[in-house]
Amino acid sequence: MRLQFHALAYNLANFMRTLAMPEAIKQWSLTSLREKLIKIGAKVVRHGRYVIFQMAEVAVPRELFHEILRLIGELRQQPPPARA
């Protein structure tokens, strides 16, 4: 089971690297991606309807993180247009 989890994690990280990474960091290794994007501590703050992740900008600048989230969002299938 453990080997399957490692294989799944590798494939997921490789998929993310090829489809959802900006050109500025396409050359990063999977180790760099894991250490700079996944192993980052964050503070979760709730305000009413909002949930905010407060993260340090040491590893990844805010603009780069927003670009990664935008690219991941574009991978979602868009809903069909509503009928009139």
PDB file of N, CA and C in Angstrom:
ATOM      1  N   MET A   1       0.818  -1.180   0.000  1.00  0.00           N
ATOM      2  CA  MET A   1       0.000   0.000   0.000  1.00  0.00           C
ATOM      3  C   MET A   1       0.864   1.247   0.000  1.00  0.00           C
ATOM      4  N   ARG A   2       1.936   1.192   0.748  1.00  0.00           N
ATOM      5  CA  ARG A   2       2.811   2.360   0.847  1.00  0.00           C
ATOM      6  C   ARG A   2       3.434   2.699  -0.503  1.00  0.00           C
ATOM      7  N   LEU A   3       3.834   1.683  -1.250  1.00  0.00           N
ATOM      8  CA  LEU A   3       4.396   1.896  -2.574  1.00  0.00           C
ATOM      9  C   LEU A   3       3.371   2.549  -3.503  1.00  0.00           C
ATOM     10  N   GLN A   4       2.126   2.144  -3.397  1.00  0.00           N
ATOM     11  CA  GLN A   4       1.078   2.737  -4.220  1.00  0.00           C
ATOM     12  C   GLN A   4       0.863   4.208  -3.873  1.00  0.00           C
ATOM     13  N   PHE A   5       0.928   4.545  -2.581  1.00  0.00           N
ATOM     14  CA  PHE A   5       0.799   5.948  -2.179  1.00  0.00           C
ATOM     15  C   PHE A   5       1.963   6.785  -2.720  1.00  0.00           C
ATOM     16  N   HIS A   6       3.169   6.234  -2.670  1.00  0.00           N
ATOM     17  CA  HIS A   6       4.320   6.960  -3.203  1.00  0.00           C
ATOM     18  C   HIS A   6       4.196   7.153  -4.713  1.00  0.00           C
ATOM     19  N   ALA A   7       3.745   6.122  -5.411  1.00  0.00           N
ATOM     20  CA  ALA A   7       3.562   6.225  -6.857  1.00  0.00           C
ATOM     21  C   ALA A   7       2.481   7.252  -7.189  1.00  0.00           C
ATOM     22  N   LEU A   8       1.399   7.254  -6.432  1.00  0.00           N
ATOM     23  CA  LEU A   8       0.334   8.228  -6.639  1.00  0.00           C
ATOM     24  C   LEU A   8       0.829   9.648  -6.384  1.00  0.00           C
ATOM     25  N   ALA A   9       1.580   9.834  -5.301  1.00  0.00           N
ATOM     26  CA  ALA A   9       2.113  11.154  -4.984  1.00  0.00           C
ATOM     27  C   ALA A   9       3.065  11.633  -6.068  1.00  0.00           C
ATOM     28  N   TYR A  10       3.910  10.743  -6.570  1.00  0.00           N
ATOM     29  CA  TYR A  10       4.836  11.113  -7.643  1.00  0.00           C
ATOM     30  C   TYR A  10       4.075  11.508  -8.900  1.00  0.00           C
ATOM     31  N   ASN A  11       3.094  10.710  -9.284  1.00  0.00           N
ATOM     32  CA  ASN A  11       2.322  11.010 -10.491  1.00  0.00           C
ATOM     33  C   ASN A  11       1.538  12.307 -10.355  1.00  0.00           C
ATOM     34  N   LEU A  12       0.967  12.547  -9.184  1.00  0.00           N
ATOM     35  CA  LEU A  12       0.237  13.785  -8.949  1.00  0.00           C
ATOM     36  C   LEU A  12       1.161  14.996  -9.024  1.00  0.00           C
ATOM     37  N   ALA A  13       2.330  14.907  -8.411  1.00  0.00           N
ATOM     38  CA  ALA A  13       3.286  16.013  -8.454  1.00  0.00           C
ATOM     39  C   ALA A  13       3.792  16.242  -9.875  1.00  0.00           C
ATOM     40  N   ASN A  14       4.060  15.186 -10.598  1.00  0.00           N
ATOM     41  CA  ASN A  14       4.518  15.314 -11.974  1.00  0.00           C
ATOM     42  C   ASN A  14       3.424  15.906 -12.857  1.00  0.00           C
ATOM     43  N   PHE A  15       2.190  15.491 -12.653  1.00  0.00           N
ATOM     44  CA  PHE A  15       1.044  16.047 -13.376  1.00  0.00           C
ATOM     45  C   PHE A  15       0.922  17.547 -13.107  1.00  0.00           C
ATOM     46  N   MET A  16       1.043  17.915 -11.831  1.00  0.00           N
ATOM     47  CA  MET A  16       0.953  19.324 -11.461  1.00  0.00           C
ATOM     48  C   MET A  16       2.097  20.117 -12.086  1.00  0.00           C
ATOM     49  N   ARG A  17       3.287  19.536 -12.083  1.00  0.00           N
ATOM     50  CA  ARG A  17       4.436  20.242 -12.635  1.00  0.00           C
ATOM     51  C   ARG A  17       4.285  20.481 -14.128  1.00  0.00           C
ATOM     52  N   THR A  18       3.705  19.539 -14.857  1.00  0.00           N
ATOM     53  CA  THR A  18       3.599  19.696 -16.298  1.00  0.00           C
ATOM     54  C   THR A  18       2.407  20.551 -16.720  1.00  0.00           C
ATOM     55  N   LEU A  19       1.325  20.550 -15.946  1.00  0.00           N
ATOM     56  CA  LEU A  19       0.119  21.261 -16.375  1.00  0.00           C
ATOM     57  C   LEU A  19      -0.182  22.553 -15.621  1.00  0.00           C
ATOM     58  N   ALA A  20       0.305  22.695 -14.410  1.00  0.00           N
ATOM     59  CA  ALA A  20      -0.132  23.828 -13.599  1.00  0.00           C
ATOM     60  C   ALA A  20       1.027  24.627 -13.007  1.00  0.00           C
ATOM     61  N   MET A  21       2.153  24.658 -13.685  1.00  0.00           N
ATOM     62  CA  MET A  21       3.275  25.440 -13.191  1.00  0.00           C
ATOM     63  C   MET A  21       3.597  26.566 -14.174  1.00  0.00           C
ATOM     64  N   PRO A  22       3.780  27.772 -13.661  1.00  0.00           N
ATOM     65  CA  PRO A  22       4.186  28.878 -14.533  1.00  0.00           C
ATOM     66  C   PRO A  22       5.565  28.608 -15.132  1.00  0.00           C
ATOM     67  N   GLU A  23       5.859  29.282 -16.229  1.00  0.00           N
ATOM     68  CA  GLU A  23       7.130  29.085 -16.915  1.00  0.00           C
ATOM     69  C   GLU A  23       8.321  29.382 -16.011  1.00  0.00           C
ATOM     70  N   ALA A  24       8.159  30.298 -15.063  1.00  0.00           N
ATOM     71  CA  ALA A  24       9.271  30.688 -14.194  1.00  0.00           C
ATOM     72  C   ALA A  24       9.787  29.538 -13.339  1.00  0.00           C
ATOM     73  N   ILE A  25       8.943  28.552 -13.040  1.00  0.00           N
ATOM     74  CA  ILE A  25       9.373  27.460 -12.171  1.00  0.00           C
ATOM     75  C   ILE A  25       9.202  26.086 -12.814  1.00  0.00           C
ATOM     76  N   LYS A  26       9.055  26.030 -14.130  1.00  0.00           N
ATOM     77  CA  LYS A  26       8.901  24.737 -14.812  1.00  0.00           C
ATOM     78  C   LYS A  26      10.118  23.839 -14.606  1.00  0.00           C
ATOM     79  N   GLN A  27      11.294  24.415 -14.396  1.00  0.00           N
ATOM     80  CA  GLN A  27      12.516  23.628 -14.267  1.00  0.00           C
ATOM     81  C   GLN A  27      12.741  23.101 -12.852  1.00  0.00           C
ATOM     82  N   TRP A  28      11.901  23.465 -11.891  1.00  0.00           N
ATOM     83  CA  TRP A  28      12.056  22.978 -10.522  1.00  0.00           C
ATOM     84  C   TRP A  28      11.907  21.463 -10.480  1.00  0.00           C
ATOM     85  N   SER A  29      12.686  20.834  -9.639  1.00  0.00           N
ATOM     86  CA  SER A  29      12.560  19.386  -9.449  1.00  0.00           C
ATOM     87  C   SER A  29      11.344  19.103  -8.568  1.00  0.00           C
ATOM     88  N   LEU A  30      10.950  17.837  -8.520  1.00  0.00           N
ATOM     89  CA  LEU A  30       9.824  17.466  -7.665  1.00  0.00           C
ATOM     90  C   LEU A  30      10.150  17.704  -6.197  1.00  0.00           C
ATOM     91  N   THR A  31      11.420  17.552  -5.831  1.00  0.00           N
ATOM     92  CA  THR A  31      11.828  17.825  -4.453  1.00  0.00           C
ATOM     93  C   THR A  31      11.643  19.299  -4.120  1.00  0.00           C
ATOM     94  N   SER A  32      12.034  20.175  -5.033  1.00  0.00           N
ATOM     95  CA  SER A  32      11.855  21.614  -4.813  1.00  0.00           C
ATOM     96  C   SER A  32      10.379  21.974  -4.705  1.00  0.00           C
ATOM     97  N   LEU A  33       9.559  21.391  -5.568  1.00  0.00           N
ATOM     98  CA  LEU A  33       8.114  21.646  -5.496  1.00  0.00           C
ATOM     99  C   LEU A  33       7.549  21.236  -4.149  1.00  0.00           C
ATOM    100  N   ARG A  34       7.943  20.064  -3.698  1.00  0.00           N
ATOM    101  CA  ARG A  34       7.438  19.562  -2.419  1.00  0.00           C
ATOM    102  C   ARG A  34       7.873  20.460  -1.267  1.00  0.00           C
ATOM    103  N   GLU A  35       9.130  20.848  -1.258  1.00  0.00           N
ATOM    104  CA  GLU A  35       9.639  21.646  -0.144  1.00  0.00           C
ATOM    105  C   GLU A  35       9.141  23.079  -0.156  1.00  0.00           C
ATOM    106  N   LYS A  36       8.933  23.655  -1.337  1.00  0.00           N
ATOM    107  CA  LYS A  36       8.554  25.067  -1.411  1.00  0.00           C
ATOM    108  C   LYS A  36       7.055  25.306  -1.505  1.00  0.00           C
ATOM    109  N   LEU A  37       6.304  24.319  -1.985  1.00  0.00           N
ATOM    110  CA  LEU A  37       4.859  24.513  -2.152  1.00  0.00           C
ATOM    111  C   LEU A  37       4.018  23.707  -1.175  1.00  0.00           C
ATOM    112  N   ILE A  38       4.439  22.519  -0.859  1.00  0.00           N
ATOM    113  CA  ILE A  38       3.599  21.633  -0.055  1.00  0.00           C
ATOM    114  C   ILE A  38       3.993  21.662   1.414  1.00  0.00           C
ATOM    115  N   LYS A  39       5.276  21.673   1.701  1.00  0.00           N
ATOM    116  CA  LYS A  39       5.740  21.636   3.088  1.00  0.00           C
ATOM    117  C   LYS A  39       5.871  23.042   3.667  1.00  0.00           C
ATOM    118  N   ILE A  40       4.913  23.886   3.397  1.00  0.00           N
ATOM    119  CA  ILE A  40       4.922  25.245   3.915  1.00  0.00           C
ATOM    120  C   ILE A  40       3.891  25.326   5.033  1.00  0.00           C
ATOM    121  N   GLY A  41       4.303  25.846   6.150  1.00  0.00           N
ATOM    122  CA  GLY A  41       3.359  26.039   7.243  1.00  0.00           C
ATOM    123  C   GLY A  41       2.444  27.219   6.942  1.00  0.00           C
ATOM    124  N   ALA A  42       1.210  27.091   7.307  1.00  0.00           N
ATOM    125  CA  ALA A  42       0.245  28.162   7.084  1.00  0.00           C
ATOM    126  C   ALA A  42      -0.666  28.277   8.299  1.00  0.00           C
ATOM    127  N   LYS A  43      -1.132  29.473   8.516  1.00  0.00           N
ATOM    128  CA  LYS A  43      -2.097  29.712   9.577  1.00  0.00           C
ATOM    129  C   LYS A  43      -3.462  29.894   8.912  1.00  0.00           C
ATOM    130  N   VAL A  44      -4.446  29.143   9.383  1.00  0.00           N
ATOM    131  CA  VAL A  44      -5.792  29.231   8.828  1.00  0.00           C
ATOM    132  C   VAL A  44      -6.602  30.183   9.700  1.00  0.00           C
ATOM    133  N   VAL A  45      -7.140  31.227   9.072  1.00  0.00           N
ATOM    134  CA  VAL A  45      -7.917  32.236   9.784  1.00  0.00           C
ATOM    135  C   VAL A  45      -9.311  32.268   9.181  1.00  0.00           C
ATOM    136  N   ARG A  46     -10.325  32.192  10.028  1.00  0.00           N
ATOM    137  CA  ARG A  46     -11.713  32.245   9.565  1.00  0.00           C
ATOM    138  C   ARG A  46     -12.326  33.582   9.925  1.00  0.00           C
ATOM    139  N   HIS A  47     -12.968  34.207   8.941  1.00  0.00           N
ATOM    140  CA  HIS A  47     -13.703  35.451   9.129  1.00  0.00           C
ATOM    141  C   HIS A  47     -15.060  35.290   8.451  1.00  0.00           C
ATOM    142  N   GLY A  48     -16.105  35.100   9.213  1.00  0.00           N
ATOM    143  CA  GLY A  48     -17.435  34.984   8.614  1.00  0.00           C
ATOM    144  C   GLY A  48     -17.488  33.891   7.572  1.00  0.00           C
ATOM    145  N   ARG A  49     -17.643  34.285   6.312  1.00  0.00           N
ATOM    146  CA  ARG A  49     -17.728  33.322   5.214  1.00  0.00           C
ATOM    147  C   ARG A  49     -16.374  33.029   4.575  1.00  0.00           C
ATOM    148  N   TYR A  50     -15.337  33.717   4.991  1.00  0.00           N
ATOM    149  CA  TYR A  50     -14.035  33.584   4.359  1.00  0.00           C
ATOM    150  C   TYR A  50     -13.093  32.727   5.186  1.00  0.00           C
ATOM    151  N   VAL A  51     -12.273  31.971   4.489  1.00  0.00           N
ATOM    152  CA  VAL A  51     -11.181  31.231   5.111  1.00  0.00           C
ATOM    153  C   VAL A  51      -9.912  31.713   4.444  1.00  0.00           C
ATOM    154  N   ILE A  52      -8.966  32.166   5.233  1.00  0.00           N
ATOM    155  CA  ILE A  52      -7.731  32.744   4.711  1.00  0.00           C
ATOM    156  C   ILE A  52      -6.556  31.896   5.179  1.00  0.00           C
ATOM    157  N   PHE A  53      -5.659  31.585   4.248  1.00  0.00           N
ATOM    158  CA  PHE A  53      -4.414  30.907   4.579  1.00  0.00           C
ATOM    159  C   PHE A  53      -3.321  31.966   4.635  1.00  0.00           C
ATOM    160  N   GLN A  54      -2.760  32.177   5.799  1.00  0.00           N
ATOM    161  CA  GLN A  54      -1.658  33.123   5.944  1.00  0.00           C
ATOM    162  C   GLN A  54      -0.358  32.341   5.866  1.00  0.00           C
ATOM    163  N   MET A  55       0.423  32.624   4.833  1.00  0.00           N
ATOM    164  CA  MET A  55       1.661  31.899   4.592  1.00  0.00           C
ATOM    165  C   MET A  55       2.821  32.884   4.495  1.00  0.00           C
ATOM    166  N   ALA A  56       3.991  32.433   4.856  1.00  0.00           N
ATOM    167  CA  ALA A  56       5.186  33.255   4.700  1.00  0.00           C
ATOM    168  C   ALA A  56       5.576  33.287   3.228  1.00  0.00           C
ATOM    169  N   GLU A  57       6.073  34.420   2.760  1.00  0.00           N
ATOM    170  CA  GLU A  57       6.483  34.538   1.364  1.00  0.00           C
ATOM    171  C   GLU A  57       7.955  34.201   1.166  1.00  0.00           C
ATOM    172  N   VAL A  58       8.520  33.451   2.065  1.00  0.00           N
ATOM    173  CA  VAL A  58       9.939  33.125   1.970  1.00  0.00           C
ATOM    174  C   VAL A  58      10.206  32.194   0.792  1.00  0.00           C
ATOM    175  N   ALA A  59       9.432  31.124   0.669  1.00  0.00           N
ATOM    176  CA  ALA A  59       9.683  30.127  -0.368  1.00  0.00           C
ATOM    177  C   ALA A  59       9.074  30.516  -1.710  1.00  0.00           C
ATOM    178  N   VAL A  60       7.839  31.004  -1.696  1.00  0.00           N
ATOM    179  CA  VAL A  60       7.125  31.317  -2.938  1.00  0.00           C
ATOM    180  C   VAL A  60       6.471  32.694  -2.804  1.00  0.00           C
ATOM    181  N   PRO A  61       6.807  33.623  -3.697  1.00  0.00           N
ATOM    182  CA  PRO A  61       6.159  34.939  -3.642  1.00  0.00           C
ATOM    183  C   PRO A  61       4.653  34.850  -3.917  1.00  0.00           C
ATOM    184  N   ARG A  62       3.922  35.819  -3.428  1.00  0.00           N
ATOM    185  CA  ARG A  62       2.465  35.841  -3.551  1.00  0.00           C
ATOM    186  C   ARG A  62       2.002  35.759  -5.010  1.00  0.00           C
ATOM    187  N   GLU A  63       2.635  36.525  -5.892  1.00  0.00           N
ATOM    188  CA  GLU A  63       2.218  36.542  -7.308  1.00  0.00           C
ATOM    189  C   GLU A  63       2.389  35.166  -7.944  1.00  0.00           C
ATOM    190  N   LEU A  64       3.484  34.497  -7.612  1.00  0.00           N
ATOM    191  CA  LEU A  64       3.726  33.165  -8.154  1.00  0.00           C
ATOM    192  C   LEU A  64       2.694  32.169  -7.623  1.00  0.00           C
ATOM    193  N   PHE A  65       2.363  32.253  -6.347  1.00  0.00           N
ATOM    194  CA  PHE A  65       1.361  31.366  -5.767  1.00  0.00           C
ATOM    195  C   PHE A  65      -0.009  31.605  -6.407  1.00  0.00           C
ATOM    196  N   HIS A  66      -0.369  32.867  -6.641  1.00  0.00           N
ATOM    197  CA  HIS A  66      -1.642  33.176  -7.310  1.00  0.00           C
ATOM    198  C   HIS A  66      -1.664  32.631  -8.735  1.00  0.00           C
ATOM    199  N   GLU A  67      -0.536  32.710  -9.424  1.00  0.00           N
ATOM    200  CA  GLU A  67      -0.461  32.173 -10.785  1.00  0.00           C
ATOM    201  C   GLU A  67      -0.649  30.659 -10.791  1.00  0.00           C
ATOM    202  N   ILE A  68      -0.063  29.973  -9.823  1.00  0.00           N
ATOM    203  CA  ILE A  68      -0.228  28.521  -9.715  1.00  0.00           C
ATOM    204  C   ILE A  68      -1.700  28.181  -9.457  1.00  0.00           C
ATOM    205  N   LEU A  69      -2.340  28.901  -8.541  1.00  0.00           N
ATOM    206  CA  LEU A  69      -3.760  28.652  -8.257  1.00  0.00           C
ATOM    207  C   LEU A  69      -4.630  28.945  -9.473  1.00  0.00           C
ATOM    208  N   ARG A  70      -4.288  29.981 -10.231  1.00  0.00           N
ATOM    209  CA  ARG A  70      -5.047  30.303 -11.451  1.00  0.00           C
ATOM    210  C   ARG A  70      -4.923  29.176 -12.471  1.00  0.00           C
ATOM    211  N   LEU A  71      -3.711  28.661 -12.661  1.00  0.00           N
ATOM    212  CA  LEU A  71      -3.498  27.570 -13.612  1.00  0.00           C
ATOM    213  C   LEU A  71      -4.223  26.298 -13.178  1.00  0.00           C
ATOM    214  N   ILE A  72      -4.248  26.019 -11.888  1.00  0.00           N
ATOM    215  CA  ILE A  72      -4.988  24.861 -11.388  1.00  0.00           C
ATOM    216  C   ILE A  72      -6.482  25.055 -11.626  1.00  0.00           C
ATOM    217  N   GLY A  73      -6.981  26.272 -11.394  1.00  0.00           N
ATOM    218  CA  GLY A  73      -8.395  26.563 -11.639  1.00  0.00           C
ATOM    219  C   GLY A  73      -8.790  26.393 -13.089  1.00  0.00           C
ATOM    220  N   GLU A  74      -7.866  26.682 -14.008  1.00  0.00           N
ATOM    221  CA  GLU A  74      -8.159  26.528 -15.434  1.00  0.00           C
ATOM    222  C   GLU A  74      -8.242  25.064 -15.859  1.00  0.00           C
ATOM    223  N   LEU A  75      -7.734  24.156 -15.032  1.00  0.00           N
ATOM    224  CA  LEU A  75      -7.812  22.729 -15.357  1.00  0.00           C
ATOM    225  C   LEU A  75      -9.222  22.177 -15.174  1.00  0.00           C
ATOM    226  N   ARG A  76     -10.033  22.871 -14.384  1.00  0.00           N
ATOM    227  CA  ARG A  76     -11.409  22.410 -14.155  1.00  0.00           C
ATOM    228  C   ARG A  76     -12.234  22.528 -15.424  1.00  0.00           C
ATOM    229  N   GLN A  77     -13.121  21.588 -15.594  1.00  0.00           N
ATOM    230  CA  GLN A  77     -14.024  21.638 -16.732  1.00  0.00           C
ATOM    231  C   GLN A  77     -15.042  22.737 -16.489  1.00  0.00           C
ATOM    232  N   GLN A  78     -15.241  23.593 -17.476  1.00  0.00           N
ATOM    233  CA  GLN A  78     -16.185  24.689 -17.346  1.00  0.00           C
ATOM    234  C   GLN A  78     -17.613  24.167 -17.489  1.00  0.00           C
ATOM    235  N   PRO A  79     -18.535  24.691 -16.703  1.00  0.00           N
ATOM    236  CA  PRO A  79     -19.937  24.234 -16.803  1.00  0.00           C
ATOM    237  C   PRO A  79     -20.531  24.659 -18.142  1.00  0.00           C
ATOM    238  N   PRO A  80     -21.500  23.887 -18.637  1.00  0.00           N
ATOM    239  CA  PRO A  80     -22.130  24.263 -19.905  1.00  0.00           C
ATOM    240  C   PRO A  80     -22.926  25.556 -19.735  1.00  0.00           C
ATOM    241  N   PRO A  81     -23.054  26.346 -20.798  1.00  0.00           N
ATOM    242  CA  PRO A  81     -23.814  27.594 -20.692  1.00  0.00           C
ATOM    243  C   PRO A  81     -25.279  27.324 -20.381  1.00  0.00           C
ATOM    244  N   ALA A  82     -25.888  28.208 -19.618  1.00  0.00           N
ATOM    245  CA  ALA A  82     -27.281  28.066 -19.243  1.00  0.00           C
ATOM    246  C   ALA A  82     -28.183  28.333 -20.457  1.00  0.00           C
ATOM    247  N   ARG A  83     -29.280  27.587 -20.515  1.00  0.00           N
ATOM    248  CA  ARG A  83     -30.227  27.788 -21.616  1.00  0.00           C
ATOM    249  C   ARG A  83     -31.074  29.021 -21.340  1.00  0.00           C
ATOM    250  N   ALA A  84     -31.433  29.710 -22.383  1.00  0.00           N
ATOM    251  CA  ALA A  84     -32.253  30.907 -22.232  1.00  0.00           C
ATOM    252  C   ALA A  84     -33.725  30.598 -22.224  1.00  0.00           C
TER     253      ALA A  84
END
